[in-house]
Amino acid sequence: MSSQTAQLPEAFEALPEDEERVFTVEFFRRAVPFDSGALDDSKTTDAADQLLASLQ
């Protein structure tokens, strides 16, 4: 990862909340489509468990 790329998360977190939302929408609008392939139930459950744990 380049140093410029490594600085992006900190720059993002320094934005006011409303600007973070605007940036996020624009970022996803421009993001390259990604096909992760089919997910089975266990992968979906694992991803949901990890997300829930990170929110607690």
N, C-alpha and C. Protein backbone atom coordinates (compact mmCIF):
# COMPACT_ATOMS: atom_id res chain seq x y z
N MET A 1 0.85 -1.17 0.00
CA MET A 1 0.00 0.00 0.00
C MET A 1 0.90 1.23 0.00
N SER A 2 0.56 2.18 -0.86
CA SER A 2 1.35 3.41 -0.94
C SER A 2 1.09 4.27 0.30
N SER A 3 1.99 5.21 0.54
CA SER A 3 1.80 6.11 1.68
C SER A 3 0.57 6.99 1.48
N GLN A 4 0.29 7.36 0.22
CA GLN A 4 -0.92 8.15 -0.05
C GLN A 4 -2.17 7.38 0.33
N THR A 5 -2.21 6.12 -0.03
CA THR A 5 -3.37 5.27 0.29
C THR A 5 -3.48 5.09 1.80
N ALA A 6 -2.38 4.91 2.48
CA ALA A 6 -2.39 4.73 3.93
C ALA A 6 -2.92 5.96 4.65
N GLN A 7 -2.78 7.13 4.07
CA GLN A 7 -3.25 8.38 4.69
C GLN A 7 -4.75 8.61 4.50
N LEU A 8 -5.36 7.92 3.56
CA LEU A 8 -6.77 8.15 3.27
C LEU A 8 -7.70 7.93 4.45
N PRO A 9 -7.57 6.84 5.22
CA PRO A 9 -8.50 6.67 6.35
C PRO A 9 -8.43 7.81 7.36
N GLU A 10 -7.24 8.29 7.66
CA GLU A 10 -7.11 9.40 8.61
C GLU A 10 -7.73 10.67 8.05
N ALA A 11 -7.53 10.92 6.76
CA ALA A 11 -8.12 12.11 6.14
C ALA A 11 -9.64 12.01 6.16
N PHE A 12 -10.15 10.81 5.91
CA PHE A 12 -11.60 10.60 5.94
C PHE A 12 -12.15 10.87 7.33
N GLU A 13 -11.49 10.33 8.36
CA GLU A 13 -11.96 10.50 9.73
C GLU A 13 -11.87 11.95 10.20
N ALA A 14 -11.06 12.76 9.55
CA ALA A 14 -10.93 14.16 9.93
C ALA A 14 -12.07 15.01 9.35
N LEU A 15 -12.85 14.44 8.43
CA LEU A 15 -13.96 15.18 7.83
C LEU A 15 -15.13 15.32 8.80
N PRO A 16 -15.92 16.38 8.67
CA PRO A 16 -17.17 16.46 9.44
C PRO A 16 -18.09 15.32 8.99
N GLU A 17 -19.01 14.91 9.87
CA GLU A 17 -19.88 13.77 9.58
C GLU A 17 -20.64 13.92 8.26
N ASP A 18 -21.17 15.08 8.00
CA ASP A 18 -21.94 15.25 6.76
C ASP A 18 -21.05 15.08 5.53
N GLU A 19 -19.80 15.51 5.61
CA GLU A 19 -18.87 15.33 4.51
C GLU A 19 -18.46 13.86 4.37
N GLU A 20 -18.36 13.14 5.48
CA GLU A 20 -18.07 11.71 5.41
C GLU A 20 -19.16 10.99 4.62
N ARG A 21 -20.42 11.36 4.89
CA ARG A 21 -21.54 10.74 4.17
C ARG A 21 -21.47 11.05 2.67
N VAL A 22 -21.23 12.30 2.34
CA VAL A 22 -21.15 12.71 0.94
C VAL A 22 -20.00 11.96 0.24
N PHE A 23 -18.87 11.89 0.91
CA PHE A 23 -17.72 11.20 0.33
C PHE A 23 -18.02 9.71 0.14
N THR A 24 -18.64 9.09 1.13
CA THR A 24 -18.94 7.67 1.04
C THR A 24 -19.85 7.36 -0.14
N VAL A 25 -20.87 8.16 -0.32
CA VAL A 25 -21.78 7.98 -1.47
C VAL A 25 -20.99 8.10 -2.77
N GLU A 26 -20.17 9.12 -2.88
CA GLU A 26 -19.40 9.33 -4.10
C GLU A 26 -18.39 8.21 -4.33
N PHE A 27 -17.76 7.75 -3.26
CA PHE A 27 -16.78 6.66 -3.37
C PHE A 27 -17.44 5.40 -3.92
N PHE A 28 -18.59 5.02 -3.34
CA PHE A 28 -19.26 3.81 -3.81
C PHE A 28 -19.82 3.99 -5.22
N ARG A 29 -20.19 5.19 -5.59
CA ARG A 29 -20.67 5.43 -6.93
C ARG A 29 -19.57 5.17 -7.95
N ARG A 30 -18.35 5.49 -7.58
CA ARG A 30 -17.21 5.34 -8.48
C ARG A 30 -16.51 3.99 -8.37
N ALA A 31 -16.79 3.23 -7.33
CA ALA A 31 -16.08 1.97 -7.08
C ALA A 31 -16.27 0.99 -8.24
N VAL A 32 -15.22 0.26 -8.51
CA VAL A 32 -15.26 -0.76 -9.55
C VAL A 32 -16.15 -1.90 -9.07
N PRO A 33 -17.05 -2.38 -9.93
CA PRO A 33 -17.91 -3.51 -9.52
C PRO A 33 -17.04 -4.70 -9.10
N PHE A 34 -17.48 -5.38 -8.07
CA PHE A 34 -16.74 -6.52 -7.54
C PHE A 34 -17.67 -7.70 -7.40
N ASP A 35 -17.33 -8.80 -8.03
CA ASP A 35 -18.12 -10.02 -7.93
C ASP A 35 -17.40 -10.99 -7.01
N SER A 36 -17.93 -11.15 -5.81
CA SER A 36 -17.29 -12.05 -4.85
C SER A 36 -17.73 -13.49 -5.05
N GLY A 37 -18.63 -13.71 -5.99
CA GLY A 37 -19.13 -15.06 -6.21
C GLY A 37 -20.24 -15.37 -5.23
N ALA A 38 -20.76 -16.55 -5.37
CA ALA A 38 -21.87 -16.97 -4.50
C ALA A 38 -21.39 -17.17 -3.06
N LEU A 39 -22.22 -16.74 -2.12
CA LEU A 39 -21.92 -16.96 -0.71
C LEU A 39 -22.82 -18.05 -0.18
N ASP A 40 -22.23 -18.94 0.59
CA ASP A 40 -23.08 -19.93 1.23
C ASP A 40 -23.54 -19.42 2.59
N ASP A 41 -24.47 -20.10 3.20
CA ASP A 41 -25.05 -19.64 4.46
C ASP A 41 -24.00 -19.48 5.56
N SER A 42 -23.03 -20.37 5.62
CA SER A 42 -22.04 -20.28 6.70
C SER A 42 -21.16 -19.04 6.53
N LYS A 43 -20.82 -18.68 5.29
CA LYS A 43 -20.01 -17.47 5.06
C LYS A 43 -20.82 -16.23 5.41
N THR A 44 -22.09 -16.23 5.06
CA THR A 44 -22.95 -15.10 5.38
C THR A 44 -23.11 -14.96 6.88
N THR A 45 -23.32 -16.07 7.57
CA THR A 45 -23.46 -16.06 9.02
C THR A 45 -22.18 -15.57 9.69
N ASP A 46 -21.03 -16.05 9.21
CA ASP A 46 -19.75 -15.62 9.77
C ASP A 46 -19.54 -14.11 9.58
N ALA A 47 -19.86 -13.61 8.39
CA ALA A 47 -19.71 -12.18 8.12
C ALA A 47 -20.63 -11.36 9.01
N ALA A 48 -21.87 -11.82 9.20
CA ALA A 48 -22.81 -11.12 10.06
C ALA A 48 -22.34 -11.13 11.51
N ASP A 49 -21.82 -12.26 11.97
CA ASP A 49 -21.29 -12.36 13.34
C ASP A 49 -20.13 -11.40 13.55
N GLN A 50 -19.23 -11.31 12.57
CA GLN A 50 -18.09 -10.40 12.68
C GLN A 50 -18.54 -8.95 12.69
N LEU A 51 -19.50 -8.63 11.85
CA LEU A 51 -20.02 -7.26 11.82
C LEU A 51 -20.69 -6.91 13.14
N LEU A 52 -21.52 -7.78 13.65
CA LEU A 52 -22.20 -7.54 14.92
C LEU A 52 -21.19 -7.36 16.05
N ALA A 53 -20.17 -8.21 16.08
CA ALA A 53 -19.16 -8.11 17.13
C ALA A 53 -18.43 -6.77 17.06
N SER A 54 -18.18 -6.27 15.85
CA SER A 54 -17.46 -5.00 15.71
C SER A 54 -18.32 -3.81 16.13
N LEU A 55 -19.65 -3.98 16.13
CA LEU A 55 -20.56 -2.89 16.50
C LEU A 55 -20.82 -2.83 18.00
N GLN A 56 -20.42 -3.84 18.71
CA GLN A 56 -20.69 -3.88 20.17
C GLN A 56 -19.62 -3.18 20.95
